[in-house]
Structure formats: C-alpha cells, structure tokens
mmCIF file of all heavy atoms, coordinates in Angstrom:
data_MODEL
# 
_entry.id   MODEL 
# 
loop_
_atom_site.group_PDB 
_atom_site.id 
_atom_site.type_symbol 
_atom_site.label_atom_id 
_atom_site.label_alt_id 
_atom_site.label_comp_id 
_atom_site.label_asym_id 
_atom_site.label_entity_id 
_atom_site.label_seq_id 
_atom_site.pdbx_PDB_ins_code 
_atom_site.Cartn_x 
_atom_site.Cartn_y 
_atom_site.Cartn_z 
_atom_site.occupancy 
_atom_site.B_iso_or_equiv 
_atom_site.pdbx_formal_charge 
_atom_site.auth_seq_id 
_atom_site.auth_comp_id 
_atom_site.auth_asym_id 
_atom_site.auth_atom_id 
_atom_site.pdbx_PDB_model_num 
ATOM 1   N N   . ARG A 1 1  ? 1.060  11.972  -2.539  1.00 0.00 ? 1  ARG A N   1 
ATOM 2   C CA  . ARG A 1 1  ? -0.043 12.920  -2.715  1.00 0.00 ? 1  ARG A CA  1 
ATOM 3   C C   . ARG A 1 1  ? -1.302 12.446  -1.991  1.00 0.00 ? 1  ARG A C   1 
ATOM 4   O O   . ARG A 1 1  ? -2.033 13.243  -1.391  1.00 0.00 ? 1  ARG A O   1 
ATOM 5   C CB  . ARG A 1 1  ? -0.327 13.105  -4.206  1.00 0.00 ? 1  ARG A CB  1 
ATOM 6   C CG  . ARG A 1 1  ? 0.760  13.883  -4.945  1.00 0.00 ? 1  ARG A CG  1 
ATOM 7   C CD  . ARG A 1 1  ? 0.277  14.313  -6.322  1.00 0.00 ? 1  ARG A CD  1 
ATOM 8   N NE  . ARG A 1 1  ? -0.044 13.173  -7.160  1.00 0.00 ? 1  ARG A NE  1 
ATOM 9   C CZ  . ARG A 1 1  ? 0.824  12.574  -7.979  1.00 0.00 ? 1  ARG A CZ  1 
ATOM 10  N NH1 . ARG A 1 1  ? 2.083  13.015  -8.022  1.00 0.00 ? 1  ARG A NH1 1 
ATOM 11  N NH2 . ARG A 1 1  ? 0.470  11.546  -8.714  1.00 0.00 ? 1  ARG A NH2 1 
ATOM 12  N N   . ILE A 1 2  ? -1.558 11.150  -2.042  1.00 0.00 ? 2  ILE A N   1 
ATOM 13  C CA  . ILE A 1 2  ? -2.743 10.622  -1.360  1.00 0.00 ? 2  ILE A CA  1 
ATOM 14  C C   . ILE A 1 2  ? -2.606 10.792  0.146   1.00 0.00 ? 2  ILE A C   1 
ATOM 15  O O   . ILE A 1 2  ? -3.564 11.158  0.842   1.00 0.00 ? 2  ILE A O   1 
ATOM 16  C CB  . ILE A 1 2  ? -2.946 9.139   -1.724  1.00 0.00 ? 2  ILE A CB  1 
ATOM 17  C CG1 . ILE A 1 2  ? -3.264 9.014   -3.210  1.00 0.00 ? 2  ILE A CG1 1 
ATOM 18  C CG2 . ILE A 1 2  ? -4.053 8.514   -0.894  1.00 0.00 ? 2  ILE A CG2 1 
ATOM 19  C CD1 . ILE A 1 2  ? -3.376 7.588   -3.693  1.00 0.00 ? 2  ILE A CD1 1 
ATOM 20  N N   . GLU A 1 3  ? -1.396 10.551  0.674   1.00 0.00 ? 3  GLU A N   1 
ATOM 21  C CA  . GLU A 1 3  ? -1.192 10.691  2.110   1.00 0.00 ? 3  GLU A CA  1 
ATOM 22  C C   . GLU A 1 3  ? -1.361 12.135  2.550   1.00 0.00 ? 3  GLU A C   1 
ATOM 23  O O   . GLU A 1 3  ? -1.839 12.407  3.652   1.00 0.00 ? 3  GLU A O   1 
ATOM 24  C CB  . GLU A 1 3  ? 0.199  10.182  2.484   1.00 0.00 ? 3  GLU A CB  1 
ATOM 25  C CG  . GLU A 1 3  ? 0.324  8.663   2.459   1.00 0.00 ? 3  GLU A CG  1 
ATOM 26  C CD  . GLU A 1 3  ? 1.672  8.203   2.972   1.00 0.00 ? 3  GLU A CD  1 
ATOM 27  O OE1 . GLU A 1 3  ? 2.624  8.224   2.173   1.00 0.00 ? 3  GLU A OE1 1 
ATOM 28  O OE2 . GLU A 1 3  ? 1.763  7.847   4.153   1.00 0.00 ? 3  GLU A OE2 1 
ATOM 29  N N   . MET A 1 4  ? -0.980 13.086  1.702   1.00 0.00 ? 4  MET A N   1 
ATOM 30  C CA  . MET A 1 4  ? -1.161 14.492  2.054   1.00 0.00 ? 4  MET A CA  1 
ATOM 31  C C   . MET A 1 4  ? -2.634 14.852  2.120   1.00 0.00 ? 4  MET A C   1 
ATOM 32  O O   . MET A 1 4  ? -3.072 15.628  2.976   1.00 0.00 ? 4  MET A O   1 
ATOM 33  C CB  . MET A 1 4  ? -0.447 15.384  1.034   1.00 0.00 ? 4  MET A CB  1 
ATOM 34  C CG  . MET A 1 4  ? 1.084  15.289  1.084   1.00 0.00 ? 4  MET A CG  1 
ATOM 35  S SD  . MET A 1 4  ? 1.873  16.366  -0.125  1.00 0.00 ? 4  MET A SD  1 
ATOM 36  C CE  . MET A 1 4  ? 1.286  17.959  0.434   1.00 0.00 ? 4  MET A CE  1 
ATOM 37  N N   . GLU A 1 5  ? -3.445 14.288  1.217   1.00 0.00 ? 5  GLU A N   1 
ATOM 38  C CA  . GLU A 1 5  ? -4.873 14.572  1.223   1.00 0.00 ? 5  GLU A CA  1 
ATOM 39  C C   . GLU A 1 5  ? -5.591 13.808  2.322   1.00 0.00 ? 5  GLU A C   1 
ATOM 40  O O   . GLU A 1 5  ? -6.567 14.299  2.897   1.00 0.00 ? 5  GLU A O   1 
ATOM 41  C CB  . GLU A 1 5  ? -5.471 14.206  -0.142  1.00 0.00 ? 5  GLU A CB  1 
ATOM 42  C CG  . GLU A 1 5  ? -4.891 15.026  -1.291  1.00 0.00 ? 5  GLU A CG  1 
ATOM 43  C CD  . GLU A 1 5  ? -5.396 14.542  -2.634  1.00 0.00 ? 5  GLU A CD  1 
ATOM 44  O OE1 . GLU A 1 5  ? -6.201 13.588  -2.639  1.00 0.00 ? 5  GLU A OE1 1 
ATOM 45  O OE2 . GLU A 1 5  ? -4.980 15.106  -3.673  1.00 0.00 ? 5  GLU A OE2 1 
ATOM 46  N N   . ASP A 1 6  ? -5.125 12.585  2.615   1.00 0.00 ? 6  ASP A N   1 
ATOM 47  C CA  . ASP A 1 6  ? -5.766 11.759  3.636   1.00 0.00 ? 6  ASP A CA  1 
ATOM 48  C C   . ASP A 1 6  ? -4.677 11.119  4.480   1.00 0.00 ? 6  ASP A C   1 
ATOM 49  O O   . ASP A 1 6  ? -4.164 10.054  4.164   1.00 0.00 ? 6  ASP A O   1 
ATOM 50  C CB  . ASP A 1 6  ? -6.624 10.677  2.979   1.00 0.00 ? 6  ASP A CB  1 
ATOM 51  C CG  . ASP A 1 6  ? -7.382 9.855   4.018   1.00 0.00 ? 6  ASP A CG  1 
ATOM 52  O OD1 . ASP A 1 6  ? -7.277 10.179  5.219   1.00 0.00 ? 6  ASP A OD1 1 
ATOM 53  O OD2 . ASP A 1 6  ? -8.054 8.884   3.617   1.00 0.00 ? 6  ASP A OD2 1 
ATOM 54  N N   . PRO A 1 7  ? -4.315 11.771  5.606   1.00 0.00 ? 7  PRO A N   1 
ATOM 55  C CA  . PRO A 1 7  ? -3.229 11.254  6.440   1.00 0.00 ? 7  PRO A CA  1 
ATOM 56  C C   . PRO A 1 7  ? -3.485 9.850   6.965   1.00 0.00 ? 7  PRO A C   1 
ATOM 57  O O   . PRO A 1 7  ? -2.538 9.147   7.334   1.00 0.00 ? 7  PRO A O   1 
ATOM 58  C CB  . PRO A 1 7  ? -3.154 12.261  7.591   1.00 0.00 ? 7  PRO A CB  1 
ATOM 59  C CG  . PRO A 1 7  ? -3.780 13.504  7.043   1.00 0.00 ? 7  PRO A CG  1 
ATOM 60  C CD  . PRO A 1 7  ? -4.844 13.044  6.100   1.00 0.00 ? 7  PRO A CD  1 
ATOM 61  N N   . SER A 1 8  ? -4.732 9.433   7.028   1.00 0.00 ? 8  SER A N   1 
ATOM 62  C CA  . SER A 1 8  ? -5.020 8.096   7.537   1.00 0.00 ? 8  SER A CA  1 
ATOM 63  C C   . SER A 1 8  ? -4.680 7.010   6.522   1.00 0.00 ? 8  SER A C   1 
ATOM 64  O O   . SER A 1 8  ? -4.661 5.823   6.848   1.00 0.00 ? 8  SER A O   1 
ATOM 65  C CB  . SER A 1 8  ? -6.508 7.972   7.907   1.00 0.00 ? 8  SER A CB  1 
ATOM 66  O OG  . SER A 1 8  ? -7.324 8.139   6.747   1.00 0.00 ? 8  SER A OG  1 
ATOM 67  N N   . PHE A 1 9  ? -4.417 7.428   5.272   1.00 0.00 ? 9  PHE A N   1 
ATOM 68  C CA  . PHE A 1 9  ? -4.114 6.448   4.236   1.00 0.00 ? 9  PHE A CA  1 
ATOM 69  C C   . PHE A 1 9  ? -2.663 5.992   4.365   1.00 0.00 ? 9  PHE A C   1 
ATOM 70  O O   . PHE A 1 9  ? -1.774 6.785   4.639   1.00 0.00 ? 9  PHE A O   1 
ATOM 71  C CB  . PHE A 1 9  ? -4.345 7.054   2.847   1.00 0.00 ? 9  PHE A CB  1 
ATOM 72  C CG  . PHE A 1 9  ? -3.948 6.133   1.721   1.00 0.00 ? 9  PHE A CG  1 
ATOM 73  C CD1 . PHE A 1 9  ? -4.818 5.146   1.299   1.00 0.00 ? 9  PHE A CD1 1 
ATOM 74  C CD2 . PHE A 1 9  ? -2.703 6.250   1.111   1.00 0.00 ? 9  PHE A CD2 1 
ATOM 75  C CE1 . PHE A 1 9  ? -4.465 4.300   0.262   1.00 0.00 ? 9  PHE A CE1 1 
ATOM 76  C CE2 . PHE A 1 9  ? -2.353 5.409   0.082   1.00 0.00 ? 9  PHE A CE2 1 
ATOM 77  C CZ  . PHE A 1 9  ? -3.236 4.436   -0.345  1.00 0.00 ? 9  PHE A CZ  1 
ATOM 78  N N   . GLY A 1 10 ? -2.430 4.754   4.167   1.00 0.00 ? 10 GLY A N   1 
ATOM 79  C CA  . GLY A 1 10 ? -1.058 4.234   4.206   1.00 0.00 ? 10 GLY A CA  1 
ATOM 80  C C   . GLY A 1 10 ? -0.930 3.028   3.308   1.00 0.00 ? 10 GLY A C   1 
ATOM 81  O O   . GLY A 1 10 ? -1.877 2.264   3.162   1.00 0.00 ? 10 GLY A O   1 
ATOM 82  N N   . LEU A 1 11 ? 0.231  2.880   2.736   1.00 0.00 ? 11 LEU A N   1 
ATOM 83  C CA  . LEU A 1 11 ? 0.445  1.722   1.892   1.00 0.00 ? 11 LEU A CA  1 
ATOM 84  C C   . LEU A 1 11 ? 0.512  0.433   2.691   1.00 0.00 ? 11 LEU A C   1 
ATOM 85  O O   . LEU A 1 11 ? 0.546  -0.647  2.132   1.00 0.00 ? 11 LEU A O   1 
ATOM 86  C CB  . LEU A 1 11 ? 1.736  1.890   1.084   1.00 0.00 ? 11 LEU A CB  1 
ATOM 87  C CG  . LEU A 1 11 ? 1.664  2.898   -0.054  1.00 0.00 ? 11 LEU A CG  1 
ATOM 88  C CD1 . LEU A 1 11 ? 3.026  2.982   -0.735  1.00 0.00 ? 11 LEU A CD1 1 
ATOM 89  C CD2 . LEU A 1 11 ? 0.600  2.526   -1.051  1.00 0.00 ? 11 LEU A CD2 1 
ATOM 90  N N   . GLY A 1 12 ? 0.473  0.568   4.016   1.00 0.00 ? 12 GLY A N   1 
ATOM 91  C CA  . GLY A 1 12 ? 0.510  -0.628  4.828   1.00 0.00 ? 12 GLY A CA  1 
ATOM 92  C C   . GLY A 1 12 ? -0.692 -1.519  4.613   1.00 0.00 ? 12 GLY A C   1 
ATOM 93  O O   . GLY A 1 12 ? -0.667 -2.701  4.954   1.00 0.00 ? 12 GLY A O   1 
ATOM 94  N N   . ILE A 1 13 ? -1.797 -1.002  4.055   1.00 0.00 ? 13 ILE A N   1 
ATOM 95  C CA  . ILE A 1 13 ? -2.971 -1.832  3.819   1.00 0.00 ? 13 ILE A CA  1 
ATOM 96  C C   . ILE A 1 13 ? -2.691 -2.908  2.791   1.00 0.00 ? 13 ILE A C   1 
ATOM 97  O O   . ILE A 1 13 ? -3.404 -3.888  2.709   1.00 0.00 ? 13 ILE A O   1 
ATOM 98  C CB  . ILE A 1 13 ? -4.156 -0.956  3.333   1.00 0.00 ? 13 ILE A CB  1 
ATOM 99  C CG1 . ILE A 1 13 ? -3.761 -0.242  2.039   1.00 0.00 ? 13 ILE A CG1 1 
ATOM 100 C CG2 . ILE A 1 13 ? -4.541 0.042   4.390   1.00 0.00 ? 13 ILE A CG2 1 
ATOM 101 C CD1 . ILE A 1 13 ? -4.904 0.544   1.409   1.00 0.00 ? 13 ILE A CD1 1 
ATOM 102 N N   . ASP A 1 14 ? -1.626 -2.754  2.024   1.00 0.00 ? 14 ASP A N   1 
ATOM 103 C CA  . ASP A 1 14 ? -1.311 -3.723  0.994   1.00 0.00 ? 14 ASP A CA  1 
ATOM 104 C C   . ASP A 1 14 ? -0.263 -4.738  1.439   1.00 0.00 ? 14 ASP A C   1 
ATOM 105 O O   . ASP A 1 14 ? 0.281  -5.462  0.628   1.00 0.00 ? 14 ASP A O   1 
ATOM 106 C CB  . ASP A 1 14 ? -0.809 -3.011  -0.270  1.00 0.00 ? 14 ASP A CB  1 
ATOM 107 C CG  . ASP A 1 14 ? -1.903 -2.227  -0.955  1.00 0.00 ? 14 ASP A CG  1 
ATOM 108 O OD1 . ASP A 1 14 ? -3.069 -2.650  -0.884  1.00 0.00 ? 14 ASP A OD1 1 
ATOM 109 O OD2 . ASP A 1 14 ? -1.559 -1.186  -1.538  1.00 0.00 ? 14 ASP A OD2 1 
ATOM 110 N N   . LEU A 1 15 ? 0.015  -4.801  2.733   1.00 0.00 ? 15 LEU A N   1 
ATOM 111 C CA  . LEU A 1 15 ? 1.067  -5.685  3.198   1.00 0.00 ? 15 LEU A CA  1 
ATOM 112 C C   . LEU A 1 15 ? 0.755  -7.151  2.968   1.00 0.00 ? 15 LEU A C   1 
ATOM 113 O O   . LEU A 1 15 ? 1.647  -7.981  2.945   1.00 0.00 ? 15 LEU A O   1 
ATOM 114 C CB  . LEU A 1 15 ? 1.317  -5.455  4.695   1.00 0.00 ? 15 LEU A CB  1 
ATOM 115 C CG  . LEU A 1 15 ? 2.174  -4.229  5.031   1.00 0.00 ? 15 LEU A CG  1 
ATOM 116 C CD1 . LEU A 1 15 ? 2.280  -4.081  6.529   1.00 0.00 ? 15 LEU A CD1 1 
ATOM 117 C CD2 . LEU A 1 15 ? 3.544  -4.354  4.409   1.00 0.00 ? 15 LEU A CD2 1 
ATOM 118 N N   . ASP A 1 16 ? -0.537 -7.492  2.833   1.00 0.00 ? 16 ASP A N   1 
ATOM 119 C CA  . ASP A 1 16 ? -0.892 -8.889  2.671   1.00 0.00 ? 16 ASP A CA  1 
ATOM 120 C C   . ASP A 1 16 ? -0.849 -9.352  1.220   1.00 0.00 ? 16 ASP A C   1 
ATOM 121 O O   . ASP A 1 16 ? -1.261 -10.472 0.916   1.00 0.00 ? 16 ASP A O   1 
ATOM 122 C CB  . ASP A 1 16 ? -2.293 -9.157  3.249   1.00 0.00 ? 16 ASP A CB  1 
ATOM 123 C CG  . ASP A 1 16 ? -2.313 -9.000  4.762   1.00 0.00 ? 16 ASP A CG  1 
ATOM 124 O OD1 . ASP A 1 16 ? -1.263 -9.235  5.370   1.00 0.00 ? 16 ASP A OD1 1 
ATOM 125 O OD2 . ASP A 1 16 ? -3.368 -8.639  5.300   1.00 0.00 ? 16 ASP A OD2 1 
ATOM 126 N N   . LEU A 1 17 ? -0.427 -8.474  0.334   1.00 0.00 ? 17 LEU A N   1 
ATOM 127 C CA  . LEU A 1 17 ? -0.307 -8.892  -1.053  1.00 0.00 ? 17 LEU A CA  1 
ATOM 128 C C   . LEU A 1 17 ? 0.650  -10.067 -1.164  1.00 0.00 ? 17 LEU A C   1 
ATOM 129 O O   . LEU A 1 17 ? 1.695  -10.108 -0.511  1.00 0.00 ? 17 LEU A O   1 
ATOM 130 C CB  . LEU A 1 17 ? 0.212  -7.736  -1.920  1.00 0.00 ? 17 LEU A CB  1 
ATOM 131 C CG  . LEU A 1 17 ? -0.802 -6.644  -2.274  1.00 0.00 ? 17 LEU A CG  1 
ATOM 132 C CD1 . LEU A 1 17 ? -0.087 -5.547  -3.030  1.00 0.00 ? 17 LEU A CD1 1 
ATOM 133 C CD2 . LEU A 1 17 ? -1.946 -7.193  -3.082  1.00 0.00 ? 17 LEU A CD2 1 
ATOM 134 N N   . ASP A 1 18 ? 0.288  -11.033 -1.976  1.00 0.00 ? 18 ASP A N   1 
ATOM 135 C CA  . ASP A 1 18 ? 1.133  -12.203 -2.165  1.00 0.00 ? 18 ASP A CA  1 
ATOM 136 C C   . ASP A 1 18 ? 2.468  -11.785 -2.773  1.00 0.00 ? 18 ASP A C   1 
ATOM 137 O O   . ASP A 1 18 ? 2.532  -10.897 -3.622  1.00 0.00 ? 18 ASP A O   1 
ATOM 138 C CB  . ASP A 1 18 ? 0.432  -13.205 -3.084  1.00 0.00 ? 18 ASP A CB  1 
ATOM 139 C CG  . ASP A 1 18 ? 1.132  -14.552 -3.072  1.00 0.00 ? 18 ASP A CG  1 
ATOM 140 O OD1 . ASP A 1 18 ? 2.168  -14.670 -3.746  1.00 0.00 ? 18 ASP A OD1 1 
ATOM 141 O OD2 . ASP A 1 18 ? 0.622  -15.449 -2.380  1.00 0.00 ? 18 ASP A OD2 1 
ATOM 142 N N   . SER A 1 19 ? 3.533  -12.425 -2.315  1.00 0.00 ? 19 SER A N   1 
ATOM 143 C CA  . SER A 1 19 ? 4.859  -12.065 -2.812  1.00 0.00 ? 19 SER A CA  1 
ATOM 144 C C   . SER A 1 19 ? 4.988  -12.285 -4.306  1.00 0.00 ? 19 SER A C   1 
ATOM 145 O O   . SER A 1 19 ? 5.822  -11.670 -4.968  1.00 0.00 ? 19 SER A O   1 
ATOM 146 C CB  . SER A 1 19 ? 5.939  -12.883 -2.076  1.00 0.00 ? 19 SER A CB  1 
ATOM 147 O OG  . SER A 1 19 ? 5.739  -14.263 -2.316  1.00 0.00 ? 19 SER A OG  1 
ATOM 148 N N   . VAL A 1 20 ? 4.159  -13.188 -4.855  1.00 0.00 ? 20 VAL A N   1 
ATOM 149 C CA  . VAL A 1 20 ? 4.214  -13.426 -6.294  1.00 0.00 ? 20 VAL A CA  1 
ATOM 150 C C   . VAL A 1 20 ? 3.889  -12.150 -7.063  1.00 0.00 ? 20 VAL A C   1 
ATOM 151 O O   . VAL A 1 20 ? 4.418  -11.896 -8.149  1.00 0.00 ? 20 VAL A O   1 
ATOM 152 C CB  . VAL A 1 20 ? 3.254  -14.566 -6.678  1.00 0.00 ? 20 VAL A CB  1 
ATOM 153 C CG1 . VAL A 1 20 ? 3.211  -14.748 -8.184  1.00 0.00 ? 20 VAL A CG1 1 
ATOM 154 C CG2 . VAL A 1 20 ? 3.663  -15.857 -5.994  1.00 0.00 ? 20 VAL A CG2 1 
ATOM 155 N N   . VAL A 1 21 ? 2.997  -11.314 -6.491  1.00 0.00 ? 21 VAL A N   1 
ATOM 156 C CA  . VAL A 1 21 ? 2.642  -10.056 -7.153  1.00 0.00 ? 21 VAL A CA  1 
ATOM 157 C C   . VAL A 1 21 ? 3.877  -9.177  -7.299  1.00 0.00 ? 21 VAL A C   1 
ATOM 158 O O   . VAL A 1 21 ? 4.143  -8.607  -8.357  1.00 0.00 ? 21 VAL A O   1 
ATOM 159 C CB  . VAL A 1 21 ? 1.540  -9.329  -6.365  1.00 0.00 ? 21 VAL A CB  1 
ATOM 160 C CG1 . VAL A 1 21 ? 1.252  -7.972  -6.986  1.00 0.00 ? 21 VAL A CG1 1 
ATOM 161 C CG2 . VAL A 1 21 ? 0.283  -10.179 -6.308  1.00 0.00 ? 21 VAL A CG2 1 
ATOM 162 N N   . TRP A 1 22 ? 4.646  -9.101  -6.203  1.00 0.00 ? 22 TRP A N   1 
ATOM 163 C CA  . TRP A 1 22 ? 5.835  -8.247  -6.262  1.00 0.00 ? 22 TRP A CA  1 
ATOM 164 C C   . TRP A 1 22 ? 6.936  -8.869  -7.115  1.00 0.00 ? 22 TRP A C   1 
ATOM 165 O O   . TRP A 1 22 ? 7.661  -8.174  -7.812  1.00 0.00 ? 22 TRP A O   1 
ATOM 166 C CB  . TRP A 1 22 ? 6.346  -7.995  -4.837  1.00 0.00 ? 22 TRP A CB  1 
ATOM 167 C CG  . TRP A 1 22 ? 5.297  -7.274  -4.033  1.00 0.00 ? 22 TRP A CG  1 
ATOM 168 C CD1 . TRP A 1 22 ? 4.526  -7.788  -3.054  1.00 0.00 ? 22 TRP A CD1 1 
ATOM 169 C CD2 . TRP A 1 22 ? 4.889  -5.919  -4.206  1.00 0.00 ? 22 TRP A CD2 1 
ATOM 170 N NE1 . TRP A 1 22 ? 3.654  -6.837  -2.585  1.00 0.00 ? 22 TRP A NE1 1 
ATOM 171 C CE2 . TRP A 1 22 ? 3.864  -5.675  -3.274  1.00 0.00 ? 22 TRP A CE2 1 
ATOM 172 C CE3 . TRP A 1 22 ? 5.285  -4.883  -5.049  1.00 0.00 ? 22 TRP A CE3 1 
ATOM 173 C CZ2 . TRP A 1 22 ? 3.243  -4.450  -3.162  1.00 0.00 ? 22 TRP A CZ2 1 
ATOM 174 C CZ3 . TRP A 1 22 ? 4.667  -3.662  -4.931  1.00 0.00 ? 22 TRP A CZ3 1 
ATOM 175 C CH2 . TRP A 1 22 ? 3.649  -3.445  -3.996  1.00 0.00 ? 22 TRP A CH2 1 
ATOM 176 N N   . ASP A 1 23 ? 7.039  -10.184 -7.057  1.00 0.00 ? 23 ASP A N   1 
ATOM 177 C CA  . ASP A 1 23 ? 8.007  -10.835 -7.935  1.00 0.00 ? 23 ASP A CA  1 
ATOM 178 C C   . ASP A 1 23 ? 7.683  -10.560 -9.394  1.00 0.00 ? 23 ASP A C   1 
ATOM 179 O O   . ASP A 1 23 ? 8.562  -10.299 -10.219 1.00 0.00 ? 23 ASP A O   1 
ATOM 180 C CB  . ASP A 1 23 ? 8.024  -12.346 -7.693  1.00 0.00 ? 23 ASP A CB  1 
ATOM 181 C CG  . ASP A 1 23 ? 8.623  -12.697 -6.342  1.00 0.00 ? 23 ASP A CG  1 
ATOM 182 O OD1 . ASP A 1 23 ? 9.319  -11.829 -5.777  1.00 0.00 ? 23 ASP A OD1 1 
ATOM 183 O OD2 . ASP A 1 23 ? 8.384  -13.819 -5.859  1.00 0.00 ? 23 ASP A OD2 1 
ATOM 184 N N   . ASP A 1 24 ? 6.389  -10.588 -9.725  1.00 0.00 ? 24 ASP A N   1 
ATOM 185 C CA  . ASP A 1 24 ? 5.967  -10.329 -11.095 1.00 0.00 ? 24 ASP A CA  1 
ATOM 186 C C   . ASP A 1 24 ? 6.261  -8.887  -11.488 1.00 0.00 ? 24 ASP A C   1 
ATOM 187 O O   . ASP A 1 24 ? 6.638  -8.592  -12.619 1.00 0.00 ? 24 ASP A O   1 
ATOM 188 C CB  . ASP A 1 24 ? 4.478  -10.634 -11.244 1.00 0.00 ? 24 ASP A CB  1 
ATOM 189 C CG  . ASP A 1 24 ? 3.993  -10.411 -12.673 1.00 0.00 ? 24 ASP A CG  1 
ATOM 190 O OD1 . ASP A 1 24 ? 4.395  -11.186 -13.551 1.00 0.00 ? 24 ASP A OD1 1 
ATOM 191 O OD2 . ASP A 1 24 ? 3.226  -9.446  -12.897 1.00 0.00 ? 24 ASP A OD2 1 
# 
C-alpha cells in the first residue's frame, strides 16, 4: 500500500538492518 501511494518508497532502505533483528 505504501509503494502504491509513493512509488519511490522501497523496503530496500532497510537492507542495512543487522541480521540479529531478523533472527529475533
């Protein structure tokens, strides 16, 4: 829904999240 409202938005901005966050 966010991408439809703002095509410039992408989840790629969160690529630098530490892997521990995703493991958790």
